[in-house]
Amino acid sequence: MAKNDSGTFLAGFVIGAMVGAILALIFAPQPGSETRALLRERGIELKERGKVILEEQRKRAQEAIAKAKEEVAKKREELEAQVKGEEAEA
């Protein structure tokens, strides 16, 4: 799997888990009040998990931005040195 697709896979996995959990709760043989309580609890858990995943993805994005800035700065320095070298030869 490509590195860029990991976020997409993770999002699909989480959504699939949520749908599976909801369906399991809906079709479970228990009273409606218990099902609603379980759905509420699962919703809170999923919300917290979503916050954690969001923060992880935010950190990854910040790291990728910092890395890209470093690479751009290095490339700029290389090009400036190349241009200066060509000007000195001329």
N, C-alpha and C. Protein backbone atom coordinates (compact mmCIF):
# COMPACT_ATOMS: atom_id res chain seq x y z
N MET A 1 0.85 -1.18 0.00
CA MET A 1 0.00 0.00 0.00
C MET A 1 0.89 1.23 0.00
N ALA A 2 0.54 2.20 -0.76
CA ALA A 2 1.31 3.44 -0.84
C ALA A 2 1.21 4.22 0.46
N LYS A 3 2.26 4.98 0.73
CA LYS A 3 2.30 5.74 1.96
C LYS A 3 1.16 6.76 2.03
N ASN A 4 0.81 7.37 0.93
CA ASN A 4 -0.24 8.38 0.91
C ASN A 4 -1.62 7.78 1.14
N ASP A 5 -1.78 6.48 0.89
CA ASP A 5 -3.08 5.85 1.03
C ASP A 5 -3.35 5.38 2.46
N SER A 6 -2.40 5.51 3.37
CA SER A 6 -2.59 5.01 4.72
C SER A 6 -3.70 5.76 5.44
N GLY A 7 -3.81 7.05 5.24
CA GLY A 7 -4.89 7.82 5.86
C GLY A 7 -6.24 7.42 5.31
N THR A 8 -6.32 7.18 4.02
CA THR A 8 -7.56 6.76 3.39
C THR A 8 -7.97 5.38 3.90
N PHE A 9 -7.01 4.47 3.99
CA PHE A 9 -7.29 3.13 4.51
C PHE A 9 -7.77 3.21 5.94
N LEU A 10 -7.09 4.02 6.75
CA LEU A 10 -7.46 4.15 8.16
C LEU A 10 -8.88 4.70 8.30
N ALA A 11 -9.20 5.72 7.51
CA ALA A 11 -10.54 6.30 7.56
C ALA A 11 -11.58 5.26 7.16
N GLY A 12 -11.31 4.49 6.11
CA GLY A 12 -12.24 3.44 5.69
C GLY A 12 -12.40 2.37 6.74
N PHE A 13 -11.30 2.02 7.38
CA PHE A 13 -11.35 1.02 8.43
C PHE A 13 -12.20 1.49 9.60
N VAL A 14 -12.01 2.74 10.01
CA VAL A 14 -12.77 3.28 11.14
C VAL A 14 -14.26 3.35 10.79
N ILE A 15 -14.58 3.81 9.60
CA ILE A 15 -15.98 3.90 9.18
C ILE A 15 -16.60 2.50 9.13
N GLY A 16 -15.87 1.54 8.60
CA GLY A 16 -16.36 0.16 8.56
C GLY A 16 -16.60 -0.39 9.95
N ALA A 17 -15.70 -0.09 10.87
CA ALA A 17 -15.86 -0.54 12.25
C ALA A 17 -17.10 0.08 12.89
N MET A 18 -17.31 1.36 12.61
CA MET A 18 -18.49 2.04 13.15
C MET A 18 -19.77 1.41 12.63
N VAL A 19 -19.84 1.18 11.33
CA VAL A 19 -21.03 0.59 10.73
C VAL A 19 -21.27 -0.81 11.31
N GLY A 20 -20.21 -1.58 11.42
CA GLY A 20 -20.34 -2.92 11.99
C GLY A 20 -20.83 -2.90 13.42
N ALA A 21 -20.29 -1.99 14.22
CA ALA A 21 -20.71 -1.88 15.62
C ALA A 21 -22.17 -1.47 15.72
N ILE A 22 -22.58 -0.52 14.91
CA ILE A 22 -23.97 -0.06 14.94
C ILE A 22 -24.92 -1.19 14.53
N LEU A 23 -24.56 -1.90 13.46
CA LEU A 23 -25.42 -3.00 13.02
C LEU A 23 -25.49 -4.09 14.08
N ALA A 24 -24.39 -4.39 14.71
CA ALA A 24 -24.38 -5.41 15.76
C ALA A 24 -25.28 -5.00 16.92
N LEU A 25 -25.24 -3.73 17.26
CA LEU A 25 -26.08 -3.26 18.36
C LEU A 25 -27.56 -3.25 17.99
N ILE A 26 -27.85 -2.88 16.77
CA ILE A 26 -29.25 -2.81 16.33
C ILE A 26 -29.88 -4.20 16.30
N PHE A 27 -29.13 -5.18 15.82
CA PHE A 27 -29.68 -6.53 15.69
C PHE A 27 -29.46 -7.40 16.92
N ALA A 28 -28.85 -6.88 17.95
CA ALA A 28 -28.64 -7.65 19.18
C ALA A 28 -29.97 -7.82 19.92
N PRO A 29 -30.16 -8.98 20.54
CA PRO A 29 -31.42 -9.23 21.25
C PRO A 29 -31.41 -8.61 22.66
N GLN A 30 -31.75 -7.33 22.73
CA GLN A 30 -31.79 -6.63 24.02
C GLN A 30 -32.82 -5.52 23.93
N PRO A 31 -33.25 -5.00 25.06
CA PRO A 31 -34.25 -3.92 25.04
C PRO A 31 -33.72 -2.66 24.36
N GLY A 32 -34.63 -1.86 23.85
CA GLY A 32 -34.26 -0.62 23.15
C GLY A 32 -33.49 0.34 24.02
N SER A 33 -33.83 0.43 25.30
CA SER A 33 -33.13 1.37 26.18
C SER A 33 -31.66 0.97 26.33
N GLU A 34 -31.40 -0.35 26.41
CA GLU A 34 -30.01 -0.80 26.50
C GLU A 34 -29.27 -0.53 25.19
N THR A 35 -29.94 -0.74 24.07
CA THR A 35 -29.32 -0.48 22.77
C THR A 35 -28.98 0.99 22.62
N ARG A 36 -29.90 1.86 23.02
CA ARG A 36 -29.62 3.30 22.94
C ARG A 36 -28.45 3.68 23.84
N ALA A 37 -28.39 3.11 25.03
CA ALA A 37 -27.28 3.40 25.93
C ALA A 37 -25.96 2.94 25.33
N LEU A 38 -25.96 1.73 24.74
CA LEU A 38 -24.74 1.23 24.10
C LEU A 38 -24.34 2.10 22.92
N LEU A 39 -25.33 2.50 22.11
CA LEU A 39 -25.03 3.37 20.98
C LEU A 39 -24.43 4.70 21.45
N ARG A 40 -24.96 5.23 22.52
CA ARG A 40 -24.45 6.47 23.08
C ARG A 40 -22.99 6.30 23.52
N GLU A 41 -22.73 5.19 24.25
CA GLU A 41 -21.37 4.92 24.72
C GLU A 41 -20.41 4.74 23.55
N ARG A 42 -20.84 3.97 22.56
CA ARG A 42 -19.99 3.74 21.37
C ARG A 42 -19.73 5.06 20.64
N GLY A 43 -20.75 5.88 20.56
CA GLY A 43 -20.59 7.18 19.91
C GLY A 43 -19.54 8.03 20.61
N ILE A 44 -19.57 8.01 21.92
CA ILE A 44 -18.57 8.77 22.69
C ILE A 44 -17.18 8.20 22.45
N GLU A 45 -17.08 6.85 22.47
CA GLU A 45 -15.78 6.21 22.23
C GLU A 45 -15.25 6.55 20.84
N LEU A 46 -16.13 6.46 19.85
CA LEU A 46 -15.70 6.74 18.47
C LEU A 46 -15.31 8.20 18.30
N LYS A 47 -16.00 9.09 18.98
CA LYS A 47 -15.65 10.50 18.92
C LYS A 47 -14.25 10.71 19.47
N GLU A 48 -13.94 10.08 20.60
CA GLU A 48 -12.61 10.21 21.19
C GLU A 48 -11.55 9.60 20.27
N ARG A 49 -11.85 8.43 19.69
CA ARG A 49 -10.91 7.81 18.76
C ARG A 49 -10.68 8.70 17.55
N GLY A 50 -11.75 9.32 17.08
CA GLY A 50 -11.62 10.23 15.94
C GLY A 50 -10.73 11.41 16.26
N LYS A 51 -10.84 11.92 17.48
CA LYS A 51 -9.97 13.03 17.89
C LYS A 51 -8.51 12.61 17.89
N VAL A 52 -8.25 11.40 18.39
CA VAL A 52 -6.88 10.89 18.43
C VAL A 52 -6.34 10.73 17.01
N ILE A 53 -7.14 10.13 16.14
CA ILE A 53 -6.72 9.92 14.76
C ILE A 53 -6.48 11.25 14.07
N LEU A 54 -7.37 12.21 14.30
CA LEU A 54 -7.22 13.53 13.70
C LEU A 54 -5.91 14.17 14.15
N GLU A 55 -5.60 14.08 15.43
CA GLU A 55 -4.37 14.68 15.94
C GLU A 55 -3.14 13.99 15.35
N GLU A 56 -3.18 12.66 15.22
CA GLU A 56 -2.07 11.93 14.61
C GLU A 56 -1.87 12.38 13.16
N GLN A 57 -2.96 12.50 12.42
CA GLN A 57 -2.86 12.92 11.02
C GLN A 57 -2.36 14.35 10.92
N ARG A 58 -2.79 15.19 11.85
CA ARG A 58 -2.32 16.58 11.87
C ARG A 58 -0.81 16.63 12.09
N LYS A 59 -0.31 15.80 13.02
CA LYS A 59 1.14 15.75 13.28
C LYS A 59 1.88 15.26 12.05
N ARG A 60 1.34 14.21 11.40
CA ARG A 60 1.99 13.70 10.19
C ARG A 60 2.03 14.77 9.10
N ALA A 61 0.95 15.51 8.97
CA ALA A 61 0.91 16.57 7.95
C ALA A 61 1.94 17.65 8.27
N GLN A 62 2.05 18.03 9.54
CA GLN A 62 3.03 19.04 9.93
C GLN A 62 4.45 18.55 9.66
N GLU A 63 4.71 17.27 9.94
CA GLU A 63 6.03 16.70 9.66
C GLU A 63 6.32 16.71 8.17
N ALA A 64 5.32 16.35 7.37
CA ALA A 64 5.49 16.33 5.92
C ALA A 64 5.75 17.74 5.39
N ILE A 65 5.05 18.71 5.94
CA ILE A 65 5.25 20.10 5.51
C ILE A 65 6.67 20.56 5.86
N ALA A 66 7.11 20.23 7.07
CA ALA A 66 8.46 20.63 7.49
C ALA A 66 9.51 19.97 6.60
N LYS A 67 9.32 18.70 6.29
CA LYS A 67 10.26 17.98 5.42
C LYS A 67 10.28 18.59 4.02
N ALA A 68 9.10 18.92 3.50
CA ALA A 68 9.02 19.53 2.17
C ALA A 68 9.72 20.89 2.15
N LYS A 69 9.53 21.66 3.22
CA LYS A 69 10.21 22.97 3.29
C LYS A 69 11.72 22.81 3.30
N GLU A 70 12.20 21.80 4.03
CA GLU A 70 13.65 21.55 4.05
C GLU A 70 14.16 21.16 2.66
N GLU A 71 13.43 20.29 1.99
CA GLU A 71 13.83 19.86 0.66
C GLU A 71 13.82 21.03 -0.33
N VAL A 72 12.82 21.88 -0.23
CA VAL A 72 12.74 23.05 -1.11
C VAL A 72 13.91 23.99 -0.84
N ALA A 73 14.24 24.19 0.44
CA ALA A 73 15.36 25.07 0.78
C ALA A 73 16.67 24.51 0.25
N LYS A 74 16.87 23.19 0.38
CA LYS A 74 18.09 22.56 -0.14
C LYS A 74 18.18 22.72 -1.66
N LYS A 75 17.07 22.46 -2.33
CA LYS A 75 17.05 22.57 -3.79
C LYS A 75 17.32 24.00 -4.23
N ARG A 76 16.72 24.97 -3.49
CA ARG A 76 16.96 26.38 -3.82
C ARG A 76 18.43 26.71 -3.68
N GLU A 77 19.06 26.24 -2.60
CA GLU A 77 20.49 26.50 -2.40
C GLU A 77 21.32 25.89 -3.51
N GLU A 78 20.96 24.66 -3.92
CA GLU A 78 21.68 24.01 -5.01
C GLU A 78 21.55 24.81 -6.31
N LEU A 79 20.34 25.26 -6.60
CA LEU A 79 20.13 26.02 -7.83
C LEU A 79 20.84 27.36 -7.79
N GLU A 80 20.83 28.02 -6.62
CA GLU A 80 21.54 29.29 -6.50
C GLU A 80 23.03 29.09 -6.71
N ALA A 81 23.58 28.02 -6.15
CA ALA A 81 25.00 27.73 -6.32
C ALA A 81 25.30 27.43 -7.79
N GLN A 82 24.40 26.71 -8.44
CA GLN A 82 24.59 26.39 -9.84
C GLN A 82 24.56 27.67 -10.69
N VAL A 83 23.62 28.56 -10.40
CA VAL A 83 23.51 29.81 -11.15
C VAL A 83 24.75 30.66 -10.92
N LYS A 84 25.21 30.74 -9.69
CA LYS A 84 26.42 31.52 -9.39
C LYS A 84 27.64 30.95 -10.10
N GLY A 85 27.71 29.61 -10.16
CA GLY A 85 28.81 28.97 -10.86
C GLY A 85 28.78 29.27 -12.36
N GLU A 86 27.61 29.30 -12.93
CA GLU A 86 27.48 29.60 -14.36
C GLU A 86 27.81 31.08 -14.62
N GLU A 87 27.45 31.96 -13.70
CA GLU A 87 27.75 33.38 -13.86
C GLU A 87 29.25 33.61 -13.76
N ALA A 88 29.92 32.86 -12.89
CA ALA A 88 31.36 33.01 -12.73
C ALA A 88 32.09 32.53 -13.99
N GLU A 89 31.56 31.50 -14.66
CA GLU A 89 32.18 30.97 -15.87
C GLU A 89 31.99 31.93 -17.05
N ALA A 90 30.91 32.70 -17.03
CA ALA A 90 30.61 33.58 -18.16
C ALA A 90 31.41 34.83 -18.17
